[in-house]
Protein backbone atom coordinates (compact mmCIF):
# COMPACT_ATOMS: atom_id res chain seq x y z
CA UNK A 1 30.75 -22.12 87.03
CA UNK A 2 29.35 -20.93 90.35
CA UNK A 3 25.96 -22.24 91.57
CA UNK A 4 24.41 -18.81 90.99
CA UNK A 5 25.49 -18.69 87.34
CA UNK A 6 24.28 -22.17 86.42
CA UNK A 7 21.25 -22.21 84.07
CA UNK A 8 17.89 -23.09 85.60
CA UNK A 9 16.64 -26.58 84.84
CA UNK A 10 13.51 -26.54 82.69
CA UNK A 11 11.70 -28.84 85.10
CA UNK A 12 12.06 -26.29 87.90
CA UNK A 13 10.16 -23.56 86.04
CA UNK A 14 6.80 -22.63 87.61
CA UNK A 15 3.74 -23.68 85.61
CA UNK A 16 2.74 -20.03 85.19
CA UNK A 17 6.03 -19.36 83.36
CA UNK A 18 5.47 -22.32 81.06
CA UNK A 19 1.96 -21.15 80.25
CA UNK A 20 3.23 -17.65 79.46
CA UNK A 21 5.89 -19.05 77.12
CA UNK A 22 3.37 -21.24 75.32
CA UNK A 23 1.00 -18.31 74.79
CA UNK A 24 3.80 -16.37 73.08
CA UNK A 25 4.30 -19.07 70.45
CA UNK A 26 2.13 -18.26 67.37
CA UNK A 27 -0.61 -20.83 66.82
CA UNK A 28 0.43 -21.18 63.20
CA UNK A 29 3.73 -22.51 64.48
CA UNK A 30 2.02 -25.17 66.55
CA UNK A 31 0.50 -27.33 63.84
CA UNK A 32 -0.20 -30.84 65.16
CA UNK A 33 2.61 -32.40 63.13
CA UNK A 34 5.15 -29.65 63.64
CA UNK A 35 8.48 -30.30 65.32
CA UNK A 36 7.80 -27.38 67.69
CA UNK A 37 4.52 -28.90 68.83
CA UNK A 38 6.05 -32.34 69.40
CA UNK A 39 8.99 -30.84 71.27
CA UNK A 40 6.79 -28.75 73.54
CA UNK A 41 4.51 -31.71 74.21
CA UNK A 42 7.44 -33.87 75.24
CA UNK A 43 8.74 -31.11 77.53
CA UNK A 44 5.59 -29.66 79.09
CA UNK A 45 3.19 -32.59 79.44
CA UNK A 46 5.43 -34.56 81.83
CA UNK A 47 5.52 -31.46 84.04
CA UNK A 48 1.83 -30.58 83.75
CA UNK A 49 0.60 -34.14 84.31
CA UNK A 50 3.14 -35.35 86.87
CA UNK A 51 0.61 -34.84 89.69
CA UNK A 52 -3.06 -35.28 88.88
CA UNK A 53 -6.12 -34.91 91.11
CA UNK A 54 -9.86 -35.44 90.82
CA UNK A 55 -11.57 -33.79 93.82
CA UNK A 56 -15.10 -34.49 95.01
CA UNK A 57 -16.91 -31.63 93.31
CA UNK A 58 -19.34 -30.92 90.49
CA UNK A 59 -17.91 -31.93 87.13
CA UNK A 60 -14.97 -33.91 88.50
CA UNK A 61 -16.41 -37.26 87.40
CA UNK A 62 -16.77 -36.04 83.83
CA UNK A 63 -13.17 -34.81 83.75
CA UNK A 64 -11.98 -38.07 85.30
CA UNK A 65 -13.88 -40.15 82.71
CA UNK A 66 -12.59 -38.00 79.86
CA UNK A 67 -8.98 -38.33 81.00
CA UNK A 68 -9.03 -42.10 81.46
CA UNK A 69 -10.89 -42.59 78.18
CA UNK A 70 -8.00 -40.77 76.54
CA UNK A 71 -5.51 -43.00 78.37
CA UNK A 72 -7.32 -46.18 77.31
CA UNK A 73 -7.63 -45.01 73.69
CA UNK A 74 -3.95 -44.15 73.68
CA UNK A 75 -3.08 -47.66 74.83
CA UNK A 76 -5.37 -49.38 72.32
CA UNK A 77 -4.15 -47.30 69.36
CA UNK A 78 -0.44 -47.23 70.24
CA UNK A 79 0.69 -49.84 67.71
CA UNK A 80 -1.59 -48.48 65.00
CA UNK A 81 -0.28 -44.91 65.25
CA UNK A 82 3.29 -45.77 66.16
CA UNK A 83 3.37 -43.18 68.95
CA UNK A 84 6.63 -42.69 70.78
CA UNK A 85 5.15 -40.34 73.40
CA UNK A 86 2.43 -41.47 75.80
CA UNK A 87 0.47 -39.22 78.14
CA UNK A 88 0.05 -42.19 80.48
CA UNK A 89 3.79 -42.22 81.10
CA UNK A 90 3.68 -38.68 82.55
CA UNK A 91 1.53 -39.32 85.63
CA UNK A 92 3.50 -40.16 88.78
CA UNK A 93 1.09 -39.04 91.51
CA UNK A 94 -2.70 -39.48 91.47
CA UNK A 95 -5.29 -38.25 93.98
CA UNK A 96 -8.94 -39.38 93.59
CA UNK A 97 -11.82 -38.19 95.79
CA UNK A 98 -14.72 -38.58 93.35
CA UNK A 99 -17.62 -40.95 93.99
CA UNK A 100 -18.11 -43.96 91.71
CA UNK A 101 -20.52 -46.84 91.22
CA UNK A 102 -19.37 -50.36 90.29
CA UNK A 103 -19.35 -49.64 86.55
CA UNK A 104 -17.44 -46.38 86.95
CA UNK A 105 -14.98 -48.11 89.29
CA UNK A 106 -14.26 -50.78 86.67
CA UNK A 107 -13.62 -48.13 84.02
CA UNK A 108 -11.42 -46.21 86.48
CA UNK A 109 -9.26 -49.25 87.22
CA UNK A 110 -8.84 -50.07 83.51
CA UNK A 111 -7.43 -46.58 83.01
CA UNK A 112 -5.19 -46.41 86.09
CA UNK A 113 -3.43 -49.70 85.29
CA UNK A 114 -2.09 -48.01 82.14
CA UNK A 115 -0.19 -45.43 84.25
CA UNK A 116 2.96 -47.54 84.40
CA UNK A 117 5.09 -44.78 85.96
CA UNK A 118 2.63 -44.13 88.79
CA UNK A 119 4.46 -43.93 92.13
CA UNK A 120 1.73 -42.67 94.48
CA UNK A 121 -2.04 -43.14 94.77
CA UNK A 122 -4.21 -41.11 97.11
CA UNK A 123 -7.75 -42.48 97.23
CA UNK A 124 -10.73 -41.35 99.33
CA UNK A 125 -12.58 -44.67 99.44
CA UNK A 126 -14.91 -43.53 102.24
CA UNK A 127 -17.01 -41.82 99.55
CA UNK A 128 -17.71 -45.08 97.72
CA UNK A 129 -21.11 -46.19 99.00
CA UNK A 130 -21.81 -49.94 98.76
CA UNK A 131 -18.92 -50.39 96.31
CA UNK A 132 -16.27 -53.09 96.76
CA UNK A 133 -13.19 -50.95 96.22
CA UNK A 134 -10.60 -53.26 97.77
CA UNK A 135 -10.27 -55.71 94.80
CA UNK A 136 -9.51 -52.68 92.61
CA UNK A 137 -6.82 -51.55 95.04
CA UNK A 138 -5.26 -55.03 94.95
CA UNK A 139 -5.27 -54.96 91.14
CA UNK A 140 -3.52 -51.57 91.05
CA UNK A 141 -0.85 -52.65 93.54
CA UNK A 142 -0.18 -55.76 91.47
CA UNK A 143 -0.21 -54.14 88.02
CA UNK A 144 1.67 -50.88 88.66
CA UNK A 145 5.39 -51.74 88.83
CA UNK A 146 6.57 -48.41 90.29
CA UNK A 147 3.83 -47.91 92.88
CA UNK A 148 5.50 -47.34 96.25
CA UNK A 149 3.18 -44.95 98.11
CA UNK A 150 -0.48 -45.38 99.10
CA UNK A 151 -2.71 -42.87 100.88
CA UNK A 152 -6.25 -43.91 101.85
CA UNK A 153 -9.08 -41.91 103.38
CA UNK A 154 -11.46 -44.50 104.73
CA UNK A 155 -14.30 -45.11 107.15
CA UNK A 156 -13.70 -46.99 110.39
CA UNK A 157 -15.43 -50.07 109.03
CA UNK A 158 -14.53 -53.55 107.87
CA UNK A 159 -12.78 -53.48 104.47
CA UNK A 160 -14.96 -54.99 101.69
CA UNK A 161 -12.66 -57.80 100.55
CA UNK A 162 -14.92 -59.10 97.78
CA UNK A 163 -14.02 -62.69 96.88
CA UNK A 164 -10.84 -62.64 98.99
CA UNK A 165 -10.68 -64.32 102.39
CA UNK A 166 -8.09 -61.92 103.80
CA UNK A 167 -6.11 -58.80 102.91
CA UNK A 168 -3.30 -59.11 100.40
CA UNK A 169 0.14 -58.12 101.69
CA UNK A 170 1.27 -54.94 99.91
CA UNK A 171 4.98 -55.62 100.29
CA UNK A 172 5.84 -53.24 97.44
CA UNK A 173 4.82 -50.17 99.44
CA UNK A 174 7.38 -47.87 101.04
CA UNK A 175 4.87 -45.30 102.32
CA UNK A 176 1.42 -45.96 103.81
CA UNK A 177 -0.96 -43.22 104.92
CA UNK A 178 -4.46 -43.78 106.30
CA UNK A 179 -6.90 -41.09 107.41
CA UNK A 180 -9.88 -42.46 109.32
CA UNK A 181 -12.67 -39.96 108.80
CA UNK A 182 -14.71 -40.98 111.84
CA UNK A 183 -18.45 -40.49 111.49
CA UNK A 184 -18.36 -38.55 108.22
CA UNK A 185 -18.88 -41.55 105.89
CA UNK A 186 -22.13 -43.08 104.65
CA UNK A 187 -22.32 -45.86 107.24
CA UNK A 188 -21.81 -45.99 110.98
CA UNK A 189 -18.36 -47.15 112.13
CA UNK A 190 -17.95 -50.63 113.51
CA UNK A 191 -18.20 -50.99 117.28
CA UNK A 192 -14.83 -52.76 117.40
CA UNK A 193 -11.60 -52.48 115.43
CA UNK A 194 -12.02 -54.54 112.21
CA UNK A 195 -9.32 -57.16 111.77
CA UNK A 196 -9.06 -56.27 108.07
CA UNK A 197 -7.66 -52.84 108.92
CA UNK A 198 -4.99 -54.45 111.09
CA UNK A 199 -4.22 -56.86 108.24
CA UNK A 200 -3.91 -53.99 105.75
CA UNK A 201 -1.29 -52.20 107.86
CA UNK A 202 0.48 -55.36 108.96
CA UNK A 203 0.77 -56.59 105.35
CA UNK A 204 2.71 -53.47 104.31
CA UNK A 205 5.71 -54.79 106.22
CA UNK A 206 8.36 -53.09 104.07
CA UNK A 207 7.13 -49.53 104.61
CA UNK A 208 9.60 -46.80 105.52
CA UNK A 209 6.89 -44.29 106.48
CA UNK A 210 3.56 -44.75 108.32
CA UNK A 211 0.99 -41.94 108.68
CA UNK A 212 -2.22 -42.47 110.67
CA UNK A 213 -4.80 -39.77 111.36
CA UNK A 214 -7.99 -40.20 113.36
CA UNK A 215 -10.60 -37.55 112.62
CA UNK A 216 -13.88 -36.92 114.38
CA UNK A 217 -17.17 -35.38 113.33
CA UNK A 218 -17.84 -31.93 114.81
CA UNK A 219 -21.47 -32.83 115.51
CA UNK A 220 -21.42 -36.53 116.40
CA UNK A 221 -17.97 -36.91 117.92
CA UNK A 222 -15.58 -39.83 117.65
CA UNK A 223 -16.01 -43.41 116.51
CA UNK A 224 -16.21 -46.27 119.09
CA UNK A 225 -12.61 -47.34 118.44
CA UNK A 226 -9.45 -45.45 117.63
CA UNK A 227 -5.69 -45.26 117.93
CA UNK A 228 -5.42 -47.06 121.26
CA UNK A 229 -7.26 -50.10 119.92
CA UNK A 230 -5.15 -50.16 116.76
CA UNK A 231 -1.79 -50.04 118.53
CA UNK A 232 -2.97 -52.64 121.01
CA UNK A 233 -3.05 -54.99 118.00
CA UNK A 234 0.20 -53.71 116.46
CA UNK A 235 2.23 -53.59 119.69
CA UNK A 236 4.30 -56.67 118.88
CA UNK A 237 4.66 -56.05 115.15
CA UNK A 238 7.96 -55.01 113.63
CA UNK A 239 8.42 -53.09 110.38
CA UNK A 240 12.17 -53.45 109.76
CA UNK A 241 12.49 -50.48 107.38
CA UNK A 242 10.27 -48.02 109.25
CA UNK A 243 12.02 -44.67 109.69
CA UNK A 244 9.10 -42.19 109.83
CA UNK A 245 6.00 -42.35 112.07
CA UNK A 246 3.31 -39.66 111.94
CA UNK A 247 0.27 -40.03 114.23
CA UNK A 248 -2.61 -37.58 114.77
CA UNK A 249 -4.38 -38.73 117.94
CA UNK A 250 -4.57 -37.03 121.30
CA UNK A 251 -4.84 -40.30 123.24
CA UNK A 252 -1.36 -41.55 122.29
CA UNK A 253 0.56 -38.46 123.35
CA UNK A 254 0.65 -39.18 127.11
CA UNK A 255 2.19 -42.55 126.07
CA UNK A 256 1.18 -44.83 128.97
CA UNK A 257 -1.51 -42.78 130.72
CA UNK A 258 -4.26 -43.50 128.22
CA UNK A 259 -2.90 -45.98 125.70
CA UNK A 260 -1.35 -48.42 128.14
CA UNK A 261 2.06 -49.97 127.46
CA UNK A 262 1.20 -51.10 123.89
CA UNK A 263 2.14 -47.88 122.10
CA UNK A 264 5.35 -47.60 124.12
CA UNK A 265 6.17 -51.18 123.11
CA UNK A 266 5.51 -50.37 119.45
CA UNK A 267 7.97 -47.47 119.63
CA UNK A 268 10.58 -49.56 121.41
CA UNK A 269 10.21 -52.27 118.75
CA UNK A 270 11.24 -49.66 116.19
CA UNK A 271 14.39 -48.20 117.68
CA UNK A 272 15.48 -47.25 114.14
CA UNK A 273 12.82 -44.50 113.89
CA UNK A 274 14.44 -41.20 112.92
CA UNK A 275 11.37 -39.01 112.38
CA UNK A 276 8.39 -39.07 114.76
CA UNK A 277 5.37 -36.76 114.74
CA UNK A 278 2.89 -37.28 117.59
CA UNK A 279 0.21 -34.64 117.15
CA UNK A 280 -3.00 -33.94 119.05
CA UNK A 281 -4.95 -32.27 116.26
CA UNK A 282 -6.90 -35.33 115.23
CA UNK A 283 -9.06 -37.80 117.10
CA UNK A 284 -10.79 -36.57 120.28
CA UNK A 285 -9.19 -33.12 120.19
CA UNK A 286 -11.16 -31.64 123.09
CA UNK A 287 -10.25 -28.59 125.14
CA UNK A 288 -10.07 -30.68 128.33
CA UNK A 289 -9.17 -34.30 128.94
CA UNK A 290 -11.78 -36.42 130.70
CA UNK A 291 -10.60 -37.62 134.13
CA UNK A 292 -6.94 -36.93 133.36
CA UNK A 293 -4.39 -38.98 135.32
CA UNK A 294 -1.11 -37.34 136.32
CA UNK A 295 0.74 -36.88 133.05
CA UNK A 296 4.41 -37.74 133.20
CA UNK A 297 6.90 -38.49 130.43
CA UNK A 298 10.54 -38.41 131.55
CA UNK A 299 13.74 -37.77 129.57
CA UNK A 300 14.65 -41.42 130.17
CA UNK A 301 11.34 -42.44 128.59
CA UNK A 302 12.23 -40.52 125.44
CA UNK A 303 15.72 -42.04 125.30
CA UNK A 304 14.33 -45.56 125.62
CA UNK A 305 11.49 -45.10 123.12
CA UNK A 306 13.26 -43.24 120.32
CA UNK A 307 17.06 -43.61 120.57
CA UNK A 308 17.64 -42.80 116.86
CA UNK A 309 15.43 -39.70 116.68
CA UNK A 310 16.59 -36.74 114.55
CA UNK A 311 13.28 -35.08 113.61
CA UNK A 312 10.51 -34.69 116.18
CA UNK A 313 7.11 -32.99 116.40
CA UNK A 314 4.72 -32.96 119.32
CA UNK A 315 3.19 -30.99 122.22
CA UNK A 316 5.04 -29.51 125.18
CA UNK A 317 4.73 -32.65 127.30
CA UNK A 318 6.97 -34.57 124.89
CA UNK A 319 9.11 -31.72 123.55
CA UNK A 320 10.06 -30.71 127.09
CA UNK A 321 11.11 -34.26 127.97
CA UNK A 322 13.10 -34.49 124.74
CA UNK A 323 14.97 -31.23 125.44
CA UNK A 324 16.00 -32.55 128.87
CA UNK A 325 17.23 -35.85 127.45
CA UNK A 326 20.56 -36.87 125.94
CA UNK A 327 18.82 -36.93 122.54
CA UNK A 328 18.56 -33.13 122.32
CA UNK A 329 22.09 -32.77 120.95
CA UNK A 330 21.27 -34.88 117.89
CA UNK A 331 17.95 -33.23 116.94
CA UNK A 332 18.06 -31.60 113.49
CA UNK A 333 14.41 -30.60 113.14
CA UNK A 334 11.94 -29.75 115.90
CA UNK A 335 8.25 -28.87 115.67
CA UNK A 336 6.27 -27.70 118.67
CA UNK A 337 2.49 -28.09 118.27
CA UNK A 338 0.57 -26.41 121.07
CA UNK A 339 -2.37 -28.66 122.02
CA UNK A 340 -5.92 -27.60 122.79
CA UNK A 341 -5.67 -29.62 126.02
CA UNK A 342 -3.42 -27.57 128.30
CA UNK A 343 -2.47 -30.70 130.25
CA UNK A 344 -0.39 -31.83 127.27
CA UNK A 345 2.01 -28.90 127.54
CA UNK A 346 1.89 -25.30 126.31
CA UNK A 347 4.67 -23.16 124.89
CA UNK A 348 4.99 -21.14 128.09
CA UNK A 349 5.73 -24.39 129.92
CA UNK A 350 8.80 -24.90 127.72
CA UNK A 351 10.42 -21.51 128.29
CA UNK A 352 12.30 -22.62 131.45
CA UNK A 353 13.81 -25.48 129.44
CA UNK A 354 14.82 -23.15 126.60
CA UNK A 355 16.47 -20.86 129.15
CA UNK A 356 18.60 -23.70 130.51
CA UNK A 357 22.33 -23.20 130.10
CA UNK A 358 22.72 -26.95 129.57
CA UNK A 359 20.41 -27.12 126.55
CA UNK A 360 22.44 -28.57 123.64
CA UNK A 361 20.84 -27.88 120.23
CA UNK A 362 24.05 -27.70 118.23
CA UNK A 363 22.60 -29.63 115.25
CA UNK A 364 19.18 -27.97 115.06
CA UNK A 365 18.59 -26.70 111.51
CA UNK A 366 14.81 -26.28 111.47
CA UNK A 367 12.38 -25.01 114.12
CA UNK A 368 8.59 -24.76 113.71
CA UNK A 369 6.23 -23.40 116.37
CA UNK A 370 2.44 -23.82 116.18
CA UNK A 371 0.38 -22.06 118.85
CA UNK A 372 -3.32 -22.55 119.52
CA UNK A 373 -4.34 -19.35 121.31
CA UNK A 374 -5.51 -21.13 124.47
CA UNK A 375 -3.57 -18.78 126.75
CA UNK A 376 -4.66 -15.29 127.77
CA UNK A 377 -1.29 -13.72 126.95
CA UNK A 378 -0.53 -12.79 123.33
CA UNK A 379 0.79 -15.74 121.33
CA UNK A 380 3.44 -13.51 119.74
CA UNK A 381 4.63 -12.32 123.14
CA UNK A 382 5.11 -15.93 124.27
CA UNK A 383 6.81 -16.95 121.02
CA UNK A 384 9.23 -14.03 121.07
CA UNK A 385 10.03 -14.73 124.70
CA UNK A 386 10.83 -18.33 123.77
CA UNK A 387 12.93 -17.32 120.75
CA UNK A 388 14.94 -14.87 122.83
CA UNK A 389 16.34 -17.83 124.78
CA UNK A 390 17.71 -19.61 121.71
CA UNK A 391 20.35 -17.59 119.78
CA UNK A 392 23.48 -18.98 121.42
CA UNK A 393 22.10 -22.53 121.41
CA UNK A 394 21.20 -22.88 117.71
CA UNK A 395 24.39 -22.00 115.78
CA UNK A 396 23.35 -23.88 112.60
CA UNK A 397 19.64 -22.93 112.51
CA UNK A 398 18.62 -22.36 108.89
CA UNK A 399 14.84 -22.25 108.94
CA UNK A 400 12.34 -20.81 111.41
CA UNK A 401 8.58 -20.98 110.87
CA UNK A 402 6.08 -19.41 113.27
CA UNK A 403 2.44 -20.53 112.98
CA UNK A 404 0.22 -18.64 115.44
CA UNK A 405 -3.56 -18.33 115.27
CA UNK A 406 -3.41 -14.52 115.41
CA UNK A 407 -1.80 -11.79 113.31
CA UNK A 408 1.35 -10.15 114.68
CA UNK A 409 1.23 -6.63 116.03
CA UNK A 410 3.51 -3.99 114.44
CA UNK A 411 5.77 -4.26 117.47
CA UNK A 412 6.03 -8.03 117.04
CA UNK A 413 6.94 -7.64 113.37
CA UNK A 414 9.81 -5.35 114.35
CA UNK A 415 11.03 -7.88 116.91
CA UNK A 416 11.11 -10.76 114.40
CA UNK A 417 12.92 -8.83 111.67
CA UNK A 418 16.21 -10.23 110.44
CA UNK A 419 18.08 -7.34 112.05
CA UNK A 420 16.94 -8.25 115.54
CA UNK A 421 19.92 -9.46 117.61
CA UNK A 422 17.54 -10.76 120.26
CA UNK A 423 16.30 -13.50 117.93
CA UNK A 424 19.06 -14.42 115.50
CA UNK A 425 22.68 -15.37 115.90
CA UNK A 426 25.10 -12.90 114.32
CA UNK A 427 26.40 -14.19 111.01
CA UNK A 428 23.95 -17.10 110.78
CA UNK A 429 21.73 -17.32 107.72
CA UNK A 430 18.14 -18.14 108.67
CA UNK A 431 15.10 -18.33 106.39
CA UNK A 432 12.15 -17.21 108.49
CA UNK A 433 8.45 -16.92 107.87
CA UNK A 434 5.16 -16.95 109.70
CA UNK A 435 1.80 -18.44 108.85
CA UNK A 436 -1.57 -17.59 110.39
CA UNK A 437 -3.40 -20.85 111.06
């Protein structure tokens, strides 16, 4: 049987299709004890409840309380009713942004610990005012056997440890993501980097993926400490399984110029890194750098810092150095993110590199281009000029995504059509799209 003639797996059906099918089944045929009802429950509920979220909005707390009350009741009455199907077993990913007091937090934790198949928790703890949330997090990491991924949105303050003297090492985690929301929380950030935050990251020593984002408040600016301070503490640490690093912070991109040698040392300590995203869209994303030193990152720098790289994202300063290095021939995925600070490298600065006859991109399968509109020339004109340099150098390109800040002109749409020989290699299949940021 060819791949095209194979039947679609039920789990791959869109939720809208499932809802349409369910509406077509007569209600009389869906009596609570009917075989049809039980069958549909066992099929649809694992799909519908696989990912669950409670955003910070009106009514979310009531829905959250109602759901976890159902989970707790289900657990307490399981033996009495002899149930073979449990709603709690369906949830694999949970995102919580709602505010809670101490009593609500206790009820929340008693419900979450029943989600024994939970693999990921995303929790915005910065919205919990004067609530000791960390002991609850420790409980969840200890009681949930399949939990491997944790995403926190937190203030840049000391972690409320409760009765603990220090942070517990979350050695079960494979993915750790922390978004520091700057000055947007209830309390002012600490003047210096809290040691508890360093402990939290350091204790997750078995992680394969680390994501750190430093946000700032549009009105009040950035917190007193940020990415430079954090990596000054982590410079000598080693996470043996780390393969993916994603950082949103403008200060780290010039590598040594602002951050000093600590961030470079952290990268060199993790020569096994295969996927690195160094983006400028987070902390201190200003149009101009204050007192900028001469910015210089060489191809040799890239080779020494990331010898195992296969997927890279960053501004022109780093992408240009990567394309000139010996690593270019092994890159499979490349994302260019045009920074607001022109000193960090614009797309037009990369065009001479793309036009080089020595540019080896024989393994490149995916290319993404984000532009910021900081140049006077049309973003589409610059992008199309860059793409025109690539056809003979990307023989296995399969996906191209263009993300400008402006809509394309009719002429640009014609130029990026699949029939355009100036953009695509003859005979190569490429899935292309564009997104207006």
